[in-house]
């Protein structure tokens, strides 16, 4: 059966289900993007702390020389 042969209510129901799947996929993608951004921010903070600790260590070693 083709869309042209499908009763209007059935076609509308199929379109509604397709839109629900698209909306669910978009929401999942947005959630994944937000989660990735949060993880990136946490990792960036940790890297900044590690670099600062290394800078302090290098400065202390230079003062001792």
PDB file of N, CA and C in Angstrom:
ATOM      1  N   UNK A   1       0.848  -1.171   0.000  1.00  0.00           N
ATOM      2  CA  UNK A   1       0.000   0.000   0.000  1.00  0.00           C
ATOM      3  C   UNK A   1       0.898   1.240   0.000  1.00  0.00           C
ATOM      4  N   UNK A   2       0.654   2.158  -0.887  1.00  0.00           N
ATOM      5  CA  UNK A   2       1.418   3.401  -0.985  1.00  0.00           C
ATOM      6  C   UNK A   2       0.690   4.492  -0.207  1.00  0.00           C
ATOM      7  N   UNK A   3       1.403   5.620   0.034  1.00  0.00           N
ATOM      8  CA  UNK A   3       0.790   6.747   0.753  1.00  0.00           C
ATOM      9  C   UNK A   3      -0.499   7.189   0.073  1.00  0.00           C
ATOM     10  N   UNK A   4      -0.526   7.159  -1.256  1.00  0.00           N
ATOM     11  CA  UNK A   4      -1.717   7.591  -1.984  1.00  0.00           C
ATOM     12  C   UNK A   4      -2.892   6.661  -1.691  1.00  0.00           C
ATOM     13  N   UNK A   5      -2.604   5.392  -1.362  1.00  0.00           N
ATOM     14  CA  UNK A   5      -3.642   4.414  -1.063  1.00  0.00           C
ATOM     15  C   UNK A   5      -3.999   4.382   0.418  1.00  0.00           C
ATOM     16  N   UNK A   6      -3.220   5.072   1.249  1.00  0.00           N
ATOM     17  CA  UNK A   6      -3.411   5.046   2.692  1.00  0.00           C
ATOM     18  C   UNK A   6      -4.491   6.044   3.096  1.00  0.00           C
ATOM     19  N   UNK A   7      -5.421   5.606   3.952  1.00  0.00           N
ATOM     20  CA  UNK A   7      -6.436   6.553   4.427  1.00  0.00           C
ATOM     21  C   UNK A   7      -5.777   7.728   5.147  1.00  0.00           C
ATOM     22  N   UNK A   8      -6.362   8.915   5.064  1.00  0.00           N
ATOM     23  CA  UNK A   8      -5.751  10.118   5.664  1.00  0.00           C
ATOM     24  C   UNK A   8      -5.411   9.969   7.141  1.00  0.00           C
ATOM     25  N   UNK A   9      -6.250   9.317   7.914  1.00  0.00           N
ATOM     26  CA  UNK A   9      -5.971   9.165   9.348  1.00  0.00           C
ATOM     27  C   UNK A   9      -4.734   8.308   9.588  1.00  0.00           C
ATOM     28  N   UNK A  10      -4.570   7.253   8.783  1.00  0.00           N
ATOM     29  CA  UNK A  10      -3.380   6.409   8.921  1.00  0.00           C
ATOM     30  C   UNK A  10      -2.120   7.186   8.547  1.00  0.00           C
ATOM     31  N   UNK A  11      -2.194   7.956   7.481  1.00  0.00           N
ATOM     32  CA  UNK A  11      -1.040   8.751   7.054  1.00  0.00           C
ATOM     33  C   UNK A  11      -0.690   9.782   8.117  1.00  0.00           C
ATOM     34  N   UNK A  12      -1.683  10.408   8.691  1.00  0.00           N
ATOM     35  CA  UNK A  12      -1.447  11.399   9.747  1.00  0.00           C
ATOM     36  C   UNK A  12      -0.810  10.733  10.957  1.00  0.00           C
ATOM     37  N   UNK A  13      -1.281   9.553  11.296  1.00  0.00           N
ATOM     38  CA  UNK A  13      -0.716   8.830  12.440  1.00  0.00           C
ATOM     39  C   UNK A  13       0.747   8.476  12.175  1.00  0.00           C
ATOM     40  N   UNK A  14       1.056   8.055  10.951  1.00  0.00           N
ATOM     41  CA  UNK A  14       2.447   7.736  10.599  1.00  0.00           C
ATOM     42  C   UNK A  14       3.323   8.977  10.689  1.00  0.00           C
ATOM     43  N   UNK A  15       2.815  10.088  10.219  1.00  0.00           N
ATOM     44  CA  UNK A  15       3.572  11.349  10.288  1.00  0.00           C
ATOM     45  C   UNK A  15       3.795  11.743  11.740  1.00  0.00           C
ATOM     46  N   UNK A  16       2.754  11.607  12.569  1.00  0.00           N
ATOM     47  CA  UNK A  16       2.887  11.932  13.996  1.00  0.00           C
ATOM     48  C   UNK A  16       3.946  11.060  14.666  1.00  0.00           C
ATOM     49  N   UNK A  17       3.946   9.769  14.358  1.00  0.00           N
ATOM     50  CA  UNK A  17       4.951   8.871  14.950  1.00  0.00           C
ATOM     51  C   UNK A  17       6.348   9.237  14.473  1.00  0.00           C
ATOM     52  N   UNK A  18       6.472   9.592  13.209  1.00  0.00           N
ATOM     53  CA  UNK A  18       7.777  10.004  12.683  1.00  0.00           C
ATOM     54  C   UNK A  18       8.259  11.274  13.373  1.00  0.00           C
ATOM     55  N   UNK A  19       7.363  12.226  13.577  1.00  0.00           N
ATOM     56  CA  UNK A  19       7.742  13.465  14.267  1.00  0.00           C
ATOM     57  C   UNK A  19       8.167  13.177  15.705  1.00  0.00           C
ATOM     58  N   UNK A  20       7.487  12.251  16.378  1.00  0.00           N
ATOM     59  CA  UNK A  20       7.863  11.885  17.739  1.00  0.00           C
ATOM     60  C   UNK A  20       9.272  11.291  17.768  1.00  0.00           C
ATOM     61  N   UNK A  21       9.586  10.451  16.783  1.00  0.00           N
ATOM     62  CA  UNK A  21      10.930   9.862  16.726  1.00  0.00           C
ATOM     63  C   UNK A  21      11.980  10.934  16.471  1.00  0.00           C
ATOM     64  N   UNK A  22      11.676  11.866  15.588  1.00  0.00           N
ATOM     65  CA  UNK A  22      12.614  12.956  15.284  1.00  0.00           C
ATOM     66  C   UNK A  22      12.836  13.825  16.517  1.00  0.00           C
ATOM     67  N   UNK A  23      11.759  14.160  17.219  1.00  0.00           N
ATOM     68  CA  UNK A  23      11.874  14.986  18.430  1.00  0.00           C
ATOM     69  C   UNK A  23      12.671  14.260  19.506  1.00  0.00           C
ATOM     70  N   UNK A  24      12.442  12.958  19.662  1.00  0.00           N
ATOM     71  CA  UNK A  24      13.180  12.187  20.663  1.00  0.00           C
ATOM     72  C   UNK A  24      14.668  12.142  20.312  1.00  0.00           C
ATOM     73  N   UNK A  25      14.979  11.961  19.038  1.00  0.00           N
ATOM     74  CA  UNK A  25      16.376  11.929  18.611  1.00  0.00           C
ATOM     75  C   UNK A  25      17.040  13.288  18.830  1.00  0.00           C
ATOM     76  N   UNK A  26      16.324  14.356  18.542  1.00  0.00           N
ATOM     77  CA  UNK A  26      16.873  15.707  18.737  1.00  0.00           C
ATOM     78  C   UNK A  26      17.122  15.972  20.215  1.00  0.00           C
ATOM     79  N   UNK A  27      16.204  15.548  21.067  1.00  0.00           N
ATOM     80  CA  UNK A  27      16.372  15.749  22.509  1.00  0.00           C
ATOM     81  C   UNK A  27      17.572  14.951  23.020  1.00  0.00           C
ATOM     82  N   UNK A  28      17.721  13.719  22.542  1.00  0.00           N
ATOM     83  CA  UNK A  28      18.852  12.889  22.963  1.00  0.00           C
ATOM     84  C   UNK A  28      20.167  13.522  22.525  1.00  0.00           C
ATOM     85  N   UNK A  29      20.186  14.059  21.324  1.00  0.00           N
ATOM     86  CA  UNK A  29      21.409  14.694  20.826  1.00  0.00           C
ATOM     87  C   UNK A  29      21.742  15.948  21.645  1.00  0.00           C
ATOM     88  N   UNK A  30      20.721  16.741  21.966  1.00  0.00           N
ATOM     89  CA  UNK A  30      20.951  17.945  22.766  1.00  0.00           C
ATOM     90  C   UNK A  30      21.493  17.565  24.137  1.00  0.00           C
ATOM     91  N   UNK A  31      20.933  16.510  24.744  1.00  0.00           N
ATOM     92  CA  UNK A  31      21.403  16.053  26.050  1.00  0.00           C
ATOM     93  C   UNK A  31      22.862  15.608  25.955  1.00  0.00           C
ATOM     94  N   UNK A  32      23.189  14.855  24.908  1.00  0.00           N
ATOM     95  CA  UNK A  32      24.564  14.377  24.727  1.00  0.00           C
ATOM     96  C   UNK A  32      25.520  15.554  24.548  1.00  0.00           C
ATOM     97  N   UNK A  33      25.104  16.572  23.814  1.00  0.00           N
ATOM     98  CA  UNK A  33      25.951  17.748  23.601  1.00  0.00           C
ATOM     99  C   UNK A  33      26.183  18.495  24.909  1.00  0.00           C
ATOM    100  N   UNK A  34      25.128  18.637  25.717  1.00  0.00           N
ATOM    101  CA  UNK A  34      25.273  19.315  27.011  1.00  0.00           C
ATOM    102  C   UNK A  34      26.189  18.524  27.932  1.00  0.00           C
ATOM    103  N   UNK A  35      26.028  17.216  27.924  1.00  0.00           N
ATOM    104  CA  UNK A  35      26.864  16.360  28.762  1.00  0.00           C
ATOM    105  C   UNK A  35      28.328  16.466  28.344  1.00  0.00           C
ATOM    106  N   UNK A  36      28.577  16.472  27.055  1.00  0.00           N
ATOM    107  CA  UNK A  36      29.935  16.605  26.548  1.00  0.00           C
ATOM    108  C   UNK A  36      30.535  17.962  26.937  1.00  0.00           C
ATOM    109  N   UNK A  37      29.736  19.014  26.858  1.00  0.00           N
ATOM    110  CA  UNK A  37      30.217  20.346  27.233  1.00  0.00           C
ATOM    111  C   UNK A  37      30.575  20.394  28.716  1.00  0.00           C
ATOM    112  N   UNK A  38      29.762  19.750  29.565  1.00  0.00           N
ATOM    113  CA  UNK A  38      30.068  19.718  31.008  1.00  0.00           C
ATOM    114  C   UNK A  38      31.360  18.947  31.269  1.00  0.00           C
ATOM    115  N   UNK A  39      31.521  17.804  30.600  1.00  0.00           N
ATOM    116  CA  UNK A  39      32.741  17.016  30.770  1.00  0.00           C
ATOM    117  C   UNK A  39      33.962  17.799  30.308  1.00  0.00           C
ATOM    118  N   UNK A  40      33.813  18.508  29.198  1.00  0.00           N
ATOM    119  CA  UNK A  40      34.910  19.320  28.680  1.00  0.00           C
ATOM    120  C   UNK A  40      35.317  20.386  29.699  1.00  0.00           C
ATOM    121  N   UNK A  41      34.335  21.038  30.292  1.00  0.00           N
ATOM    122  CA  UNK A  41      34.624  22.085  31.277  1.00  0.00           C
ATOM    123  C   UNK A  41      35.355  21.506  32.485  1.00  0.00           C
ATOM    124  N   UNK A  42      34.931  20.342  32.948  1.00  0.00           N
ATOM    125  CA  UNK A  42      35.591  19.704  34.091  1.00  0.00           C
ATOM    126  C   UNK A  42      37.030  19.350  33.740  1.00  0.00           C
ATOM    127  N   UNK A  43      37.218  18.739  32.580  1.00  0.00           N
ATOM    128  CA  UNK A  43      38.571  18.364  32.170  1.00  0.00           C
ATOM    129  C   UNK A  43      39.459  19.584  31.970  1.00  0.00           C
ATOM    130  N   UNK A  44      38.889  20.640  31.408  1.00  0.00           N
ATOM    131  CA  UNK A  44      39.658  21.876  31.217  1.00  0.00           C
ATOM    132  C   UNK A  44      40.123  22.425  32.570  1.00  0.00           C
ATOM    133  N   UNK A  45      39.239  22.397  33.549  1.00  0.00           N
ATOM    134  CA  UNK A  45      39.601  22.851  34.889  1.00  0.00           C
ATOM    135  C   UNK A  45      40.730  22.022  35.482  1.00  0.00           C
ATOM    136  N   UNK A  46      40.657  20.715  35.296  1.00  0.00           N
ATOM    137  CA  UNK A  46      41.710  19.839  35.817  1.00  0.00           C
ATOM    138  C   UNK A  46      43.047  20.108  35.121  1.00  0.00           C
ATOM    139  N   UNK A  47      43.013  20.323  33.837  1.00  0.00           N
ATOM    140  CA  UNK A  47      44.248  20.623  33.093  1.00  0.00           C
ATOM    141  C   UNK A  47      44.836  21.941  33.579  1.00  0.00           C
ATOM    142  N   UNK A  48      43.978  22.949  33.774  1.00  0.00           N
ATOM    143  CA  UNK A  48      44.468  24.247  34.261  1.00  0.00           C
ATOM    144  C   UNK A  48      45.123  24.094  35.628  1.00  0.00           C
ATOM    145  N   UNK A  49      44.528  23.272  36.503  1.00  0.00           N
ATOM    146  CA  UNK A  49      45.123  23.036  37.820  1.00  0.00           C
ATOM    147  C   UNK A  49      46.466  22.338  37.695  1.00  0.00           C
ATOM    148  N   UNK A  50      46.548  21.354  36.807  1.00  0.00           N
ATOM    149  CA  UNK A  50      47.803  20.617  36.622  1.00  0.00           C
ATOM    150  C   UNK A  50      48.892  21.533  36.069  1.00  0.00           C
ATOM    151  N   UNK A  51      48.557  22.375  35.128  1.00  0.00           N
ATOM    152  CA  UNK A  51      49.540  23.303  34.555  1.00  0.00           C
ATOM    153  C   UNK A  51      50.000  24.303  35.614  1.00  0.00           C
ATOM    154  N   UNK A  52      49.071  24.783  36.423  1.00  0.00           N
ATOM    155  CA  UNK A  52      49.448  25.711  37.488  1.00  0.00           C
ATOM    156  C   UNK A  52      50.391  25.034  38.483  1.00  0.00           C
ATOM    157  N   UNK A  53      50.117  23.781  38.817  1.00  0.00           N
ATOM    158  CA  UNK A  53      51.001  23.047  39.735  1.00  0.00           C
ATOM    159  C   UNK A  53      52.379  22.868  39.120  1.00  0.00           C
ATOM    160  N   UNK A  54      52.436  22.558  37.846  1.00  0.00           N
ATOM    161  CA  UNK A  54      53.732  22.431  37.169  1.00  0.00           C
ATOM    162  C   UNK A  54      54.466  23.762  37.130  1.00  0.00           C
ATOM    163  N   UNK A  55      53.739  24.848  36.849  1.00  0.00           N
ATOM    164  CA  UNK A  55      54.356  26.184  36.857  1.00  0.00           C
ATOM    165  C   UNK A  55      54.963  26.487  38.223  1.00  0.00           C
ATOM    166  N   UNK A  56      54.241  26.179  39.285  1.00  0.00           N
ATOM    167  CA  UNK A  56      54.738  26.419  40.649  1.00  0.00           C
ATOM    168  C   UNK A  56      55.975  25.578  40.931  1.00  0.00           C
ATOM    169  N   UNK A  57      55.954  24.335  40.498  1.00  0.00           N
ATOM    170  CA  UNK A  57      57.097  23.451  40.702  1.00  0.00           C
ATOM    171  C   UNK A  57      58.323  23.964  39.952  1.00  0.00           C
ATOM    172  N   UNK A  58      58.147  24.378  38.723  1.00  0.00           N
ATOM    173  CA  UNK A  58      59.260  24.917  37.923  1.00  0.00           C
ATOM    174  C   UNK A  58      59.800  26.190  38.563  1.00  0.00           C
ATOM    175  N   UNK A  59      58.915  27.074  39.001  1.00  0.00           N
ATOM    176  CA  UNK A  59      59.354  28.317  39.647  1.00  0.00           C
ATOM    177  C   UNK A  59      60.131  28.028  40.921  1.00  0.00           C
ATOM    178  N   UNK A  60      59.671  27.059  41.693  1.00  0.00           N
ATOM    179  CA  UNK A  60      60.377  26.696  42.945  1.00  0.00           C
ATOM    180  C   UNK A  60      61.768  26.125  42.634  1.00  0.00           C
ATOM    181  N   UNK A  61      61.848  25.284  41.605  1.00  0.00           N
ATOM    182  CA  UNK A  61      63.136  24.710  41.216  1.00  0.00           C
ATOM    183  C   UNK A  61      64.087  25.804  40.725  1.00  0.00           C
ATOM    184  N   UNK A  62      63.562  26.768  39.982  1.00  0.00           N
ATOM    185  CA  UNK A  62      64.410  27.859  39.480  1.00  0.00           C
ATOM    186  C   UNK A  62      64.940  28.714  40.630  1.00  0.00           C
ATOM    187  N   UNK A  63      64.131  28.930  41.654  1.00  0.00           N
ATOM    188  CA  UNK A  63      64.587  29.701  42.814  1.00  0.00           C
ATOM    189  C   UNK A  63      65.673  28.989  43.594  1.00  0.00           C
ATOM    190  N   UNK A  64      65.648  27.671  43.579  1.00  0.00           N
ATOM    191  CA  UNK A  64      66.650  26.880  44.314  1.00  0.00           C
ATOM    192  C   UNK A  64      67.977  26.808  43.573  1.00  0.00           C
ATOM    193  N   UNK A  65      67.959  27.062  42.284  1.00  0.00           N
ATOM    194  CA  UNK A  65      69.213  26.996  41.493  1.00  0.00           C
ATOM    195  C   UNK A  65      70.031  28.201  41.645  1.00  0.00           C
TER     196      UNK A  65
END
